[in-house]
N, C-alpha and C. Protein backbone atom coordinates (compact mmCIF):
# COMPACT_ATOMS: atom_id res chain seq x y z
N MET A 1 28.31 22.58 27.74
CA MET A 1 27.12 22.33 26.95
C MET A 1 27.47 22.10 25.48
N LYS A 2 28.39 22.95 24.96
CA LYS A 2 28.78 22.79 23.56
C LYS A 2 29.41 21.42 23.31
N ARG A 3 30.22 20.97 24.30
CA ARG A 3 30.84 19.65 24.14
C ARG A 3 29.79 18.55 24.12
N ILE A 4 28.77 18.71 24.97
CA ILE A 4 27.71 17.70 25.02
C ILE A 4 26.95 17.66 23.70
N VAL A 5 26.60 18.87 23.19
CA VAL A 5 25.88 18.95 21.93
C VAL A 5 26.71 18.36 20.79
N SER A 6 28.02 18.70 20.79
CA SER A 6 28.90 18.17 19.75
C SER A 6 28.98 16.67 19.82
N PHE A 7 29.08 16.14 21.04
CA PHE A 7 29.15 14.69 21.23
C PHE A 7 27.87 14.03 20.73
N LEU A 8 26.70 14.63 21.06
CA LEU A 8 25.43 14.05 20.62
C LEU A 8 25.31 14.08 19.10
N LEU A 9 25.76 15.16 18.48
CA LEU A 9 25.70 15.25 17.02
C LEU A 9 26.59 14.21 16.37
N ILE A 10 27.81 14.05 16.91
CA ILE A 10 28.74 13.06 16.36
C ILE A 10 28.19 11.65 16.54
N ALA A 11 27.64 11.38 17.74
CA ALA A 11 27.09 10.05 18.02
C ALA A 11 25.89 9.76 17.12
N SER A 12 25.03 10.78 16.91
CA SER A 12 23.86 10.59 16.05
C SER A 12 24.28 10.34 14.60
N ALA A 13 25.29 11.10 14.15
CA ALA A 13 25.77 10.92 12.78
C ALA A 13 26.37 9.54 12.59
N ALA A 14 27.11 9.08 13.61
CA ALA A 14 27.71 7.75 13.53
C ALA A 14 26.64 6.67 13.51
N ALA A 15 25.61 6.84 14.34
CA ALA A 15 24.53 5.85 14.37
C ALA A 15 23.78 5.83 13.05
N PHE A 16 23.50 7.02 12.49
CA PHE A 16 22.81 7.09 11.21
C PHE A 16 23.64 6.45 10.10
N ASN A 17 24.94 6.72 10.13
CA ASN A 17 25.82 6.15 9.12
C ASN A 17 25.86 4.64 9.20
N GLN A 18 25.83 4.12 10.43
CA GLN A 18 25.85 2.67 10.61
C GLN A 18 24.57 2.03 10.05
N VAL A 19 23.42 2.68 10.32
CA VAL A 19 22.15 2.17 9.80
C VAL A 19 22.13 2.24 8.28
N ALA A 20 22.61 3.39 7.75
CA ALA A 20 22.61 3.56 6.30
C ALA A 20 23.48 2.52 5.61
N ASN A 21 24.63 2.22 6.24
CA ASN A 21 25.52 1.21 5.67
C ASN A 21 24.94 -0.19 5.80
N ALA A 22 24.16 -0.39 6.89
CA ALA A 22 23.64 -1.73 7.14
C ALA A 22 22.46 -2.07 6.22
N GLN A 23 21.70 -1.04 5.83
CA GLN A 23 20.54 -1.35 5.01
C GLN A 23 20.96 -1.64 3.57
N HIS A 24 20.12 -2.38 2.91
CA HIS A 24 20.40 -2.75 1.53
C HIS A 24 19.10 -2.73 0.76
N ILE A 25 19.14 -2.19 -0.43
CA ILE A 25 17.95 -2.07 -1.25
C ILE A 25 18.06 -3.00 -2.45
N SER A 26 17.02 -3.81 -2.66
CA SER A 26 16.95 -4.69 -3.82
C SER A 26 15.75 -4.29 -4.67
N VAL A 27 15.91 -4.39 -5.98
CA VAL A 27 14.80 -4.13 -6.89
C VAL A 27 14.62 -5.36 -7.77
N GLY A 28 13.41 -5.55 -8.22
CA GLY A 28 13.14 -6.71 -9.05
C GLY A 28 11.69 -6.75 -9.48
N ALA A 29 11.16 -7.96 -9.60
CA ALA A 29 9.79 -8.14 -10.06
C ALA A 29 9.16 -9.32 -9.33
N ALA A 30 7.84 -9.29 -9.23
CA ALA A 30 7.09 -10.38 -8.62
C ALA A 30 6.03 -10.86 -9.59
N ILE A 31 5.78 -12.15 -9.57
CA ILE A 31 4.74 -12.73 -10.42
C ILE A 31 4.03 -13.81 -9.61
N GLY A 32 2.73 -13.93 -9.82
CA GLY A 32 2.00 -14.92 -9.05
C GLY A 32 0.59 -15.11 -9.55
N THR A 33 -0.18 -15.88 -8.77
CA THR A 33 -1.57 -16.17 -9.13
C THR A 33 -2.44 -16.09 -7.90
N PRO A 34 -3.61 -15.45 -7.99
CA PRO A 34 -4.55 -15.45 -6.87
C PRO A 34 -5.27 -16.80 -6.77
N PHE A 35 -5.70 -17.12 -5.56
CA PHE A 35 -6.49 -18.33 -5.35
C PHE A 35 -7.99 -18.03 -5.43
N SER A 36 -8.35 -16.75 -5.47
CA SER A 36 -9.75 -16.37 -5.44
C SER A 36 -10.02 -15.27 -6.46
N GLY A 37 -11.27 -15.19 -6.93
CA GLY A 37 -11.65 -14.15 -7.88
C GLY A 37 -11.79 -12.80 -7.21
N GLY A 38 -11.86 -11.76 -8.03
CA GLY A 38 -11.94 -10.41 -7.49
C GLY A 38 -13.32 -9.99 -7.06
N ILE A 39 -14.37 -10.73 -7.47
CA ILE A 39 -15.74 -10.38 -7.11
C ILE A 39 -16.44 -11.57 -6.48
N SER A 40 -17.49 -11.30 -5.75
CA SER A 40 -18.26 -12.36 -5.11
C SER A 40 -19.13 -13.08 -6.13
N ASP A 41 -19.34 -14.35 -5.90
CA ASP A 41 -20.25 -15.16 -6.72
C ASP A 41 -21.67 -14.95 -6.18
N PHE A 42 -22.56 -14.40 -7.03
CA PHE A 42 -23.91 -14.16 -6.53
C PHE A 42 -24.92 -14.28 -7.67
N THR A 43 -26.18 -14.48 -7.28
CA THR A 43 -27.26 -14.66 -8.25
C THR A 43 -28.43 -13.74 -7.89
N LEU A 44 -28.97 -13.09 -8.92
CA LEU A 44 -30.17 -12.27 -8.77
C LEU A 44 -31.28 -12.89 -9.60
N SER A 45 -32.46 -13.02 -8.99
CA SER A 45 -33.60 -13.62 -9.68
C SER A 45 -34.74 -12.61 -9.79
N GLY A 46 -35.35 -12.56 -10.99
CA GLY A 46 -36.52 -11.73 -11.21
C GLY A 46 -37.72 -12.59 -11.53
N VAL A 47 -38.74 -11.96 -12.10
CA VAL A 47 -39.98 -12.69 -12.42
C VAL A 47 -39.70 -13.79 -13.43
N ASP A 48 -38.99 -13.48 -14.49
CA ASP A 48 -38.67 -14.49 -15.51
C ASP A 48 -37.21 -14.43 -15.94
N THR A 49 -36.35 -13.87 -15.08
CA THR A 49 -34.92 -13.76 -15.40
C THR A 49 -34.07 -14.23 -14.23
N VAL A 50 -32.94 -14.76 -14.58
CA VAL A 50 -31.94 -15.15 -13.58
C VAL A 50 -30.58 -14.65 -14.06
N SER A 51 -29.87 -13.94 -13.21
CA SER A 51 -28.55 -13.42 -13.56
C SER A 51 -27.53 -13.92 -12.53
N HIS A 52 -26.55 -14.65 -13.04
CA HIS A 52 -25.50 -15.21 -12.17
C HIS A 52 -24.18 -14.57 -12.54
N THR A 53 -23.56 -13.85 -11.58
CA THR A 53 -22.31 -13.13 -11.84
C THR A 53 -21.21 -13.69 -10.95
N PHE A 54 -20.01 -13.86 -11.53
CA PHE A 54 -18.90 -14.46 -10.80
C PHE A 54 -17.60 -14.14 -11.54
N SER A 55 -16.46 -14.51 -10.93
CA SER A 55 -15.17 -14.42 -11.60
C SER A 55 -14.87 -15.77 -12.23
N ASN A 56 -14.82 -15.82 -13.55
CA ASN A 56 -14.60 -17.08 -14.26
C ASN A 56 -13.13 -17.46 -14.29
N SER A 57 -12.24 -16.50 -13.99
CA SER A 57 -10.80 -16.75 -13.99
C SER A 57 -10.15 -15.91 -12.89
N ASN A 58 -9.19 -16.51 -12.20
CA ASN A 58 -8.44 -15.77 -11.18
C ASN A 58 -7.29 -14.96 -11.77
N ASN A 59 -6.95 -15.23 -13.03
CA ASN A 59 -5.92 -14.48 -13.75
C ASN A 59 -4.57 -14.54 -13.05
N TYR A 60 -3.87 -13.42 -12.93
CA TYR A 60 -2.49 -13.41 -12.46
C TYR A 60 -2.16 -12.07 -11.83
N LEU A 61 -1.00 -12.00 -11.19
CA LEU A 61 -0.44 -10.76 -10.67
C LEU A 61 0.99 -10.65 -11.17
N VAL A 62 1.41 -9.44 -11.56
CA VAL A 62 2.78 -9.24 -12.01
C VAL A 62 3.13 -7.76 -11.88
N GLY A 63 4.38 -7.48 -11.53
CA GLY A 63 4.79 -6.09 -11.44
C GLY A 63 6.11 -5.92 -10.70
N PRO A 64 6.63 -4.68 -10.67
CA PRO A 64 7.91 -4.41 -10.01
C PRO A 64 7.79 -4.40 -8.50
N MET A 65 8.92 -4.59 -7.84
CA MET A 65 8.98 -4.59 -6.38
C MET A 65 10.27 -3.94 -5.90
N VAL A 66 10.22 -3.37 -4.71
CA VAL A 66 11.41 -2.82 -4.04
C VAL A 66 11.47 -3.40 -2.65
N ASP A 67 12.60 -3.96 -2.29
CA ASP A 67 12.79 -4.59 -0.98
C ASP A 67 13.93 -3.90 -0.25
N VAL A 68 13.66 -3.41 0.95
CA VAL A 68 14.67 -2.71 1.76
C VAL A 68 14.97 -3.53 3.00
N ARG A 69 16.22 -3.92 3.17
CA ARG A 69 16.64 -4.69 4.33
C ARG A 69 17.31 -3.76 5.34
N LEU A 70 16.88 -3.86 6.59
CA LEU A 70 17.35 -3.02 7.68
C LEU A 70 18.05 -3.89 8.73
N PRO A 71 18.70 -3.26 9.70
CA PRO A 71 19.32 -4.05 10.77
C PRO A 71 18.28 -4.84 11.57
N LEU A 72 18.77 -5.78 12.36
CA LEU A 72 17.95 -6.60 13.26
C LEU A 72 16.96 -7.48 12.48
N ASN A 73 17.32 -7.86 11.25
CA ASN A 73 16.50 -8.73 10.41
C ASN A 73 15.17 -8.10 10.00
N LEU A 74 15.05 -6.78 10.15
CA LEU A 74 13.84 -6.08 9.77
C LEU A 74 13.96 -5.55 8.34
N GLY A 75 12.84 -5.11 7.79
CA GLY A 75 12.83 -4.52 6.46
C GLY A 75 11.41 -4.24 6.03
N PHE A 76 11.27 -3.80 4.81
CA PHE A 76 9.94 -3.62 4.25
C PHE A 76 10.00 -3.79 2.73
N GLU A 77 8.83 -4.09 2.16
CA GLU A 77 8.71 -4.32 0.72
C GLU A 77 7.52 -3.56 0.17
N VAL A 78 7.70 -2.95 -0.97
CA VAL A 78 6.63 -2.25 -1.67
C VAL A 78 6.49 -2.85 -3.07
N ASP A 79 5.28 -3.29 -3.41
CA ASP A 79 5.03 -3.89 -4.72
C ASP A 79 4.04 -3.03 -5.51
N VAL A 80 4.16 -3.08 -6.81
CA VAL A 80 3.18 -2.48 -7.72
C VAL A 80 2.71 -3.59 -8.65
N LEU A 81 1.56 -4.18 -8.33
CA LEU A 81 1.12 -5.41 -8.98
C LEU A 81 -0.09 -5.17 -9.87
N PHE A 82 0.05 -5.53 -11.13
CA PHE A 82 -1.08 -5.46 -12.06
C PHE A 82 -1.88 -6.75 -11.95
N ARG A 83 -3.19 -6.60 -11.75
CA ARG A 83 -4.06 -7.78 -11.65
C ARG A 83 -5.34 -7.57 -12.44
N PRO A 84 -5.54 -8.30 -13.55
CA PRO A 84 -6.82 -8.25 -14.23
C PRO A 84 -7.89 -8.93 -13.36
N VAL A 85 -9.07 -8.34 -13.33
CA VAL A 85 -10.19 -8.91 -12.59
C VAL A 85 -11.27 -9.32 -13.58
N ASN A 86 -11.62 -10.59 -13.56
CA ASN A 86 -12.62 -11.12 -14.49
C ASN A 86 -14.03 -10.95 -13.92
N VAL A 87 -14.95 -10.48 -14.74
CA VAL A 87 -16.37 -10.38 -14.39
C VAL A 87 -17.16 -11.12 -15.47
N THR A 88 -17.77 -12.24 -15.09
CA THR A 88 -18.55 -13.06 -16.01
C THR A 88 -20.00 -13.10 -15.53
N THR A 89 -20.94 -12.91 -16.45
CA THR A 89 -22.37 -12.93 -16.11
C THR A 89 -23.11 -13.87 -17.04
N ASP A 90 -23.82 -14.82 -16.44
CA ASP A 90 -24.73 -15.70 -17.18
C ASP A 90 -26.15 -15.18 -16.98
N SER A 91 -26.78 -14.72 -18.07
CA SER A 91 -28.13 -14.16 -17.99
C SER A 91 -29.11 -15.10 -18.70
N THR A 92 -30.17 -15.44 -17.98
CA THR A 92 -31.18 -16.35 -18.54
C THR A 92 -32.55 -15.69 -18.49
N VAL A 93 -33.21 -15.62 -19.62
CA VAL A 93 -34.60 -15.19 -19.68
C VAL A 93 -35.44 -16.45 -19.89
N ILE A 94 -36.11 -16.88 -18.85
CA ILE A 94 -36.84 -18.15 -18.87
C ILE A 94 -37.96 -18.11 -19.91
N PRO A 95 -38.10 -19.12 -20.79
CA PRO A 95 -37.37 -20.39 -20.84
C PRO A 95 -36.27 -20.40 -21.89
N ASN A 96 -35.76 -19.26 -22.30
CA ASN A 96 -34.75 -19.20 -23.34
C ASN A 96 -33.38 -19.68 -22.84
N LEU A 97 -32.44 -19.77 -23.77
CA LEU A 97 -31.09 -20.21 -23.43
C LEU A 97 -30.34 -19.13 -22.65
N THR A 98 -29.29 -19.56 -21.98
CA THR A 98 -28.47 -18.64 -21.19
C THR A 98 -27.44 -17.96 -22.09
N ARG A 99 -27.27 -16.66 -21.89
CA ARG A 99 -26.24 -15.90 -22.60
C ARG A 99 -25.15 -15.49 -21.60
N ARG A 100 -23.91 -15.63 -22.05
CA ARG A 100 -22.77 -15.31 -21.18
C ARG A 100 -21.99 -14.12 -21.72
N SER A 101 -21.64 -13.21 -20.82
CA SER A 101 -20.72 -12.13 -21.14
C SER A 101 -19.57 -12.18 -20.15
N SER A 102 -18.35 -11.99 -20.65
CA SER A 102 -17.17 -12.10 -19.79
C SER A 102 -16.14 -11.05 -20.20
N ASN A 103 -15.64 -10.31 -19.20
CA ASN A 103 -14.66 -9.26 -19.46
C ASN A 103 -13.60 -9.24 -18.36
N ASP A 104 -12.37 -8.89 -18.75
CA ASP A 104 -11.29 -8.66 -17.79
C ASP A 104 -11.05 -7.16 -17.67
N TYR A 105 -11.03 -6.66 -16.43
CA TYR A 105 -10.81 -5.24 -16.18
C TYR A 105 -9.51 -5.05 -15.41
N ALA A 106 -8.83 -3.94 -15.69
CA ALA A 106 -7.52 -3.68 -15.09
C ALA A 106 -7.66 -3.21 -13.64
N SER A 107 -6.77 -3.70 -12.79
CA SER A 107 -6.64 -3.17 -11.43
C SER A 107 -5.17 -3.26 -11.03
N TRP A 108 -4.75 -2.35 -10.15
CA TRP A 108 -3.38 -2.32 -9.64
C TRP A 108 -3.43 -2.41 -8.12
N GLU A 109 -2.61 -3.28 -7.56
CA GLU A 109 -2.54 -3.45 -6.11
C GLU A 109 -1.18 -2.98 -5.60
N PHE A 110 -1.19 -2.29 -4.45
CA PHE A 110 0.02 -1.69 -3.89
C PHE A 110 0.20 -2.11 -2.43
N PRO A 111 0.68 -3.33 -2.17
CA PRO A 111 0.97 -3.73 -0.79
C PRO A 111 2.23 -3.05 -0.27
N VAL A 112 2.16 -2.54 0.96
CA VAL A 112 3.31 -1.91 1.65
C VAL A 112 3.52 -2.72 2.92
N LEU A 113 4.50 -3.63 2.90
CA LEU A 113 4.60 -4.66 3.92
C LEU A 113 5.88 -4.55 4.74
N GLY A 114 5.73 -4.51 6.06
CA GLY A 114 6.87 -4.67 6.94
C GLY A 114 7.28 -6.13 6.97
N LYS A 115 8.59 -6.40 7.04
CA LYS A 115 9.08 -7.79 6.98
C LYS A 115 10.03 -8.08 8.13
N TYR A 116 9.97 -9.31 8.59
CA TYR A 116 10.95 -9.79 9.57
C TYR A 116 11.50 -11.11 9.07
N ARG A 117 12.81 -11.14 8.86
CA ARG A 117 13.47 -12.36 8.39
C ARG A 117 13.98 -13.13 9.59
N LEU A 118 13.60 -14.38 9.70
CA LEU A 118 14.01 -15.21 10.82
C LEU A 118 15.49 -15.56 10.69
N PRO A 119 16.25 -15.45 11.77
CA PRO A 119 17.66 -15.84 11.71
C PRO A 119 17.78 -17.32 11.34
N PHE A 120 18.50 -17.60 10.31
CA PHE A 120 18.62 -18.98 9.85
C PHE A 120 20.03 -19.16 9.31
N VAL A 121 20.17 -19.42 8.04
CA VAL A 121 21.49 -19.49 7.42
C VAL A 121 21.56 -18.39 6.37
N PRO A 122 22.77 -17.94 5.99
CA PRO A 122 22.89 -16.81 5.06
C PRO A 122 22.14 -16.98 3.75
N ALA A 123 22.09 -18.21 3.23
CA ALA A 123 21.50 -18.41 1.90
C ALA A 123 20.00 -18.64 1.94
N VAL A 124 19.43 -18.99 3.11
CA VAL A 124 18.00 -19.29 3.22
C VAL A 124 17.43 -18.54 4.43
N LYS A 125 16.42 -17.71 4.19
CA LYS A 125 15.83 -16.92 5.28
C LYS A 125 14.31 -16.97 5.20
N PRO A 126 13.65 -17.72 6.10
CA PRO A 126 12.19 -17.63 6.21
C PRO A 126 11.81 -16.21 6.67
N PHE A 127 10.63 -15.75 6.25
CA PHE A 127 10.21 -14.41 6.65
C PHE A 127 8.70 -14.36 6.83
N VAL A 128 8.27 -13.38 7.62
CA VAL A 128 6.85 -13.05 7.76
C VAL A 128 6.69 -11.59 7.37
N GLU A 129 5.49 -11.23 6.91
CA GLU A 129 5.25 -9.87 6.44
C GLU A 129 3.81 -9.47 6.71
N ALA A 130 3.60 -8.17 6.88
CA ALA A 130 2.24 -7.66 7.12
C ALA A 130 2.22 -6.16 6.87
N GLY A 131 1.07 -5.67 6.45
CA GLY A 131 0.93 -4.24 6.24
C GLY A 131 -0.28 -3.91 5.39
N PRO A 132 -0.54 -2.62 5.16
CA PRO A 132 -1.70 -2.21 4.37
C PRO A 132 -1.51 -2.46 2.89
N SER A 133 -2.63 -2.65 2.20
CA SER A 133 -2.64 -2.76 0.74
C SER A 133 -3.65 -1.77 0.18
N PHE A 134 -3.31 -1.23 -0.98
CA PHE A 134 -4.19 -0.27 -1.64
C PHE A 134 -4.45 -0.76 -3.07
N ARG A 135 -5.55 -0.28 -3.64
CA ARG A 135 -5.92 -0.77 -4.97
C ARG A 135 -6.47 0.38 -5.81
N ALA A 136 -5.95 0.48 -7.04
CA ALA A 136 -6.50 1.39 -8.05
C ALA A 136 -7.11 0.53 -9.14
N LYS A 137 -8.27 0.94 -9.64
CA LYS A 137 -8.95 0.09 -10.60
C LYS A 137 -9.66 0.94 -11.64
N SER A 138 -10.04 0.28 -12.75
CA SER A 138 -10.75 0.97 -13.82
C SER A 138 -12.15 1.36 -13.33
N SER A 139 -12.78 2.27 -14.06
CA SER A 139 -14.11 2.75 -13.66
C SER A 139 -15.13 1.61 -13.62
N SER A 140 -14.92 0.58 -14.42
CA SER A 140 -15.84 -0.56 -14.43
C SER A 140 -15.79 -1.35 -13.13
N LEU A 141 -14.73 -1.15 -12.35
CA LEU A 141 -14.58 -1.84 -11.06
C LEU A 141 -14.68 -0.87 -9.89
N SER A 142 -15.40 0.23 -10.09
CA SER A 142 -15.46 1.27 -9.05
C SER A 142 -16.06 0.75 -7.74
N TYR A 143 -16.85 -0.32 -7.80
CA TYR A 143 -17.48 -0.88 -6.62
C TYR A 143 -16.50 -1.65 -5.74
N LEU A 144 -15.32 -2.01 -6.25
CA LEU A 144 -14.35 -2.74 -5.44
C LEU A 144 -13.73 -1.82 -4.40
N SER A 145 -13.50 -2.34 -3.22
CA SER A 145 -12.83 -1.57 -2.17
C SER A 145 -11.39 -1.27 -2.57
N GLY A 146 -10.90 -0.09 -2.20
CA GLY A 146 -9.54 0.28 -2.53
C GLY A 146 -8.56 0.12 -1.39
N LYS A 147 -9.01 -0.39 -0.23
CA LYS A 147 -8.14 -0.51 0.93
C LYS A 147 -8.28 -1.90 1.55
N GLY A 148 -7.15 -2.44 2.01
CA GLY A 148 -7.17 -3.74 2.65
C GLY A 148 -5.95 -3.92 3.54
N PHE A 149 -5.83 -5.10 4.12
CA PHE A 149 -4.68 -5.43 4.98
C PHE A 149 -4.16 -6.80 4.58
N THR A 150 -2.84 -6.91 4.46
CA THR A 150 -2.21 -8.14 3.97
C THR A 150 -1.28 -8.74 5.01
N ILE A 151 -1.32 -10.05 5.15
CA ILE A 151 -0.34 -10.79 5.95
C ILE A 151 0.18 -11.93 5.09
N GLY A 152 1.39 -12.38 5.38
CA GLY A 152 1.95 -13.47 4.59
C GLY A 152 3.25 -13.98 5.15
N GLY A 153 3.84 -14.90 4.43
CA GLY A 153 5.12 -15.47 4.83
C GLY A 153 5.70 -16.29 3.70
N GLY A 154 7.00 -16.52 3.78
CA GLY A 154 7.65 -17.29 2.73
C GLY A 154 9.09 -17.58 3.08
N VAL A 155 9.87 -17.91 2.09
CA VAL A 155 11.29 -18.24 2.26
C VAL A 155 12.08 -17.51 1.19
N GLU A 156 13.13 -16.83 1.60
CA GLU A 156 14.02 -16.14 0.66
C GLU A 156 15.29 -16.96 0.47
N VAL A 157 15.60 -17.27 -0.78
CA VAL A 157 16.79 -18.04 -1.11
C VAL A 157 17.72 -17.17 -1.94
N LYS A 158 18.98 -17.10 -1.55
CA LYS A 158 19.96 -16.28 -2.27
C LYS A 158 20.89 -17.18 -3.07
N ILE A 159 20.96 -16.92 -4.39
CA ILE A 159 21.86 -17.63 -5.29
C ILE A 159 22.74 -16.58 -5.97
N LEU A 160 24.00 -16.51 -5.55
CA LEU A 160 24.89 -15.44 -5.97
C LEU A 160 24.25 -14.10 -5.61
N ARG A 161 23.93 -13.24 -6.58
CA ARG A 161 23.30 -11.96 -6.27
C ARG A 161 21.78 -12.02 -6.38
N LEU A 162 21.26 -13.09 -6.94
CA LEU A 162 19.82 -13.21 -7.16
C LEU A 162 19.12 -13.71 -5.89
N ARG A 163 18.04 -13.04 -5.52
CA ARG A 163 17.21 -13.45 -4.40
C ARG A 163 15.85 -13.91 -4.93
N ILE A 164 15.48 -15.14 -4.59
CA ILE A 164 14.20 -15.71 -5.01
C ILE A 164 13.36 -15.92 -3.75
N ALA A 165 12.15 -15.34 -3.75
CA ALA A 165 11.34 -15.36 -2.52
C ALA A 165 9.91 -15.79 -2.82
N PRO A 166 9.61 -17.10 -2.82
CA PRO A 166 8.22 -17.54 -2.92
C PRO A 166 7.47 -17.25 -1.62
N ALA A 167 6.22 -16.83 -1.73
CA ALA A 167 5.46 -16.45 -0.54
C ALA A 167 3.97 -16.71 -0.74
N LEU A 168 3.30 -16.96 0.36
CA LEU A 168 1.84 -17.03 0.40
C LEU A 168 1.32 -15.79 1.11
N ARG A 169 0.28 -15.17 0.56
CA ARG A 169 -0.29 -13.97 1.16
C ARG A 169 -1.81 -14.07 1.25
N TYR A 170 -2.33 -13.40 2.28
CA TYR A 170 -3.78 -13.27 2.44
C TYR A 170 -4.10 -11.79 2.61
N THR A 171 -5.05 -11.30 1.82
CA THR A 171 -5.48 -9.90 1.91
C THR A 171 -6.97 -9.84 2.22
N HIS A 172 -7.32 -9.03 3.21
CA HIS A 172 -8.74 -8.79 3.52
C HIS A 172 -9.06 -7.37 3.06
N TRP A 173 -9.91 -7.26 2.03
CA TRP A 173 -10.31 -5.97 1.49
C TRP A 173 -11.54 -5.44 2.20
N GLY A 174 -11.75 -4.13 2.07
CA GLY A 174 -12.96 -3.52 2.61
C GLY A 174 -14.20 -4.05 1.90
N ALA A 175 -15.38 -3.70 2.42
CA ALA A 175 -16.63 -4.30 1.94
C ALA A 175 -17.00 -3.89 0.53
N GLY A 176 -16.70 -2.67 0.11
CA GLY A 176 -17.12 -2.22 -1.21
C GLY A 176 -18.62 -2.06 -1.28
N ALA A 177 -19.19 -2.15 -2.49
CA ALA A 177 -20.63 -1.99 -2.68
C ALA A 177 -21.37 -3.22 -2.18
N THR A 178 -22.57 -3.02 -1.63
CA THR A 178 -23.39 -4.12 -1.13
C THR A 178 -24.83 -3.93 -1.59
N LEU A 179 -25.65 -4.97 -1.43
CA LEU A 179 -27.07 -4.87 -1.75
C LEU A 179 -27.73 -3.84 -0.84
N ALA A 180 -28.62 -3.04 -1.42
CA ALA A 180 -29.33 -2.03 -0.64
C ALA A 180 -30.18 -2.70 0.44
N SER A 181 -30.81 -3.81 0.13
CA SER A 181 -31.55 -4.60 1.11
C SER A 181 -31.62 -6.02 0.61
N PRO A 182 -31.54 -7.01 1.49
CA PRO A 182 -31.52 -8.40 1.05
C PRO A 182 -32.74 -8.74 0.19
N GLY A 183 -32.51 -9.37 -0.96
CA GLY A 183 -33.58 -9.80 -1.83
C GLY A 183 -34.16 -8.71 -2.71
N SER A 184 -33.67 -7.47 -2.57
CA SER A 184 -34.25 -6.38 -3.35
C SER A 184 -33.74 -6.36 -4.78
N GLY A 185 -32.54 -6.90 -5.01
CA GLY A 185 -31.94 -6.84 -6.34
C GLY A 185 -31.39 -5.47 -6.66
N LEU A 186 -31.34 -4.57 -5.69
CA LEU A 186 -30.83 -3.22 -5.90
C LEU A 186 -29.48 -3.06 -5.19
N PHE A 187 -28.59 -2.27 -5.79
CA PHE A 187 -27.27 -2.04 -5.23
C PHE A 187 -27.12 -0.60 -4.80
N ASN A 188 -26.22 -0.39 -3.81
CA ASN A 188 -25.83 0.97 -3.47
C ASN A 188 -25.07 1.60 -4.64
N ALA A 189 -24.39 0.78 -5.40
CA ALA A 189 -23.76 1.20 -6.66
C ALA A 189 -24.15 0.17 -7.70
N ALA A 190 -24.29 0.60 -8.96
CA ALA A 190 -24.72 -0.34 -10.00
C ALA A 190 -23.58 -1.26 -10.35
N ALA A 191 -23.32 -2.26 -9.51
CA ALA A 191 -22.14 -3.09 -9.69
C ALA A 191 -22.24 -4.36 -8.88
N THR A 192 -21.20 -5.17 -8.98
CA THR A 192 -21.11 -6.44 -8.29
C THR A 192 -20.37 -6.27 -6.96
N PRO A 193 -20.77 -6.95 -5.89
CA PRO A 193 -20.05 -6.82 -4.62
C PRO A 193 -18.62 -7.33 -4.71
N THR A 194 -17.75 -6.73 -3.91
CA THR A 194 -16.36 -7.14 -3.91
C THR A 194 -16.16 -8.43 -3.14
N ASN A 195 -15.16 -9.21 -3.54
CA ASN A 195 -14.75 -10.38 -2.77
C ASN A 195 -13.71 -9.91 -1.75
N GLN A 196 -14.06 -9.94 -0.46
CA GLN A 196 -13.19 -9.35 0.55
C GLN A 196 -11.97 -10.20 0.87
N ASN A 197 -12.04 -11.50 0.60
CA ASN A 197 -10.94 -12.40 0.97
C ASN A 197 -10.15 -12.83 -0.26
N GLN A 198 -8.86 -12.49 -0.26
CA GLN A 198 -8.00 -12.82 -1.41
C GLN A 198 -6.76 -13.55 -0.94
N GLY A 199 -6.56 -14.75 -1.44
CA GLY A 199 -5.32 -15.49 -1.19
C GLY A 199 -4.51 -15.55 -2.47
N GLU A 200 -3.20 -15.59 -2.34
CA GLU A 200 -2.37 -15.60 -3.55
C GLU A 200 -1.01 -16.23 -3.27
N PHE A 201 -0.41 -16.73 -4.33
CA PHE A 201 0.96 -17.24 -4.29
C PHE A 201 1.80 -16.35 -5.19
N LEU A 202 2.91 -15.83 -4.64
CA LEU A 202 3.77 -14.93 -5.38
C LEU A 202 5.22 -15.41 -5.29
N VAL A 203 5.98 -15.12 -6.34
CA VAL A 203 7.43 -15.36 -6.31
C VAL A 203 8.11 -14.07 -6.70
N GLY A 204 8.98 -13.57 -5.81
CA GLY A 204 9.73 -12.36 -6.09
C GLY A 204 11.14 -12.68 -6.55
N PHE A 205 11.63 -11.93 -7.54
CA PHE A 205 12.99 -12.05 -8.03
C PHE A 205 13.65 -10.68 -7.93
N SER A 206 14.74 -10.59 -7.17
CA SER A 206 15.36 -9.28 -6.97
C SER A 206 16.88 -9.42 -6.89
N PHE A 207 17.53 -8.27 -7.12
CA PHE A 207 18.99 -8.20 -7.05
C PHE A 207 19.40 -7.11 -6.06
């Protein structure tokens, strides 16, 4: 029995050592642009007022990233992405002119993505990725959902020690705040509904 246990311990240690040696960790940064605004485009109408709220700018995403490569072309990536969310409101009191207010509010997105790199050539590796995403935001964006799911894909190119990985991603966020009842003009939270569908283009740079 002792020999069997010793053999299993040695075999387990050898297997762990092989995995540890096989994995590789890269750190770097990612920068990109969303294709969609952070809030839904919607209009509320009153007796003599009209309020139209939307994202006037998609802004950008930027932040650090960690990429871990494992055996069998597997791996995972964790990003910490800063994304300003624009909230613009055009308010009209009929028949007066329209007044516009526009503000950018801070939000942070944390995608945790499993990755599979397709076997190709050493310098070029197409990949697919998927996993949960989380979001922290300022109090002004409390109505935005903090949880979502991301899928994407891209191509990783290695130049010496530098890895450049352009990718397209799609994130589906939770519903967030909604109208209390259609046409009522009242919210479950005093805020704008979240835009659940987010597409983006990102480029990662890592060593």
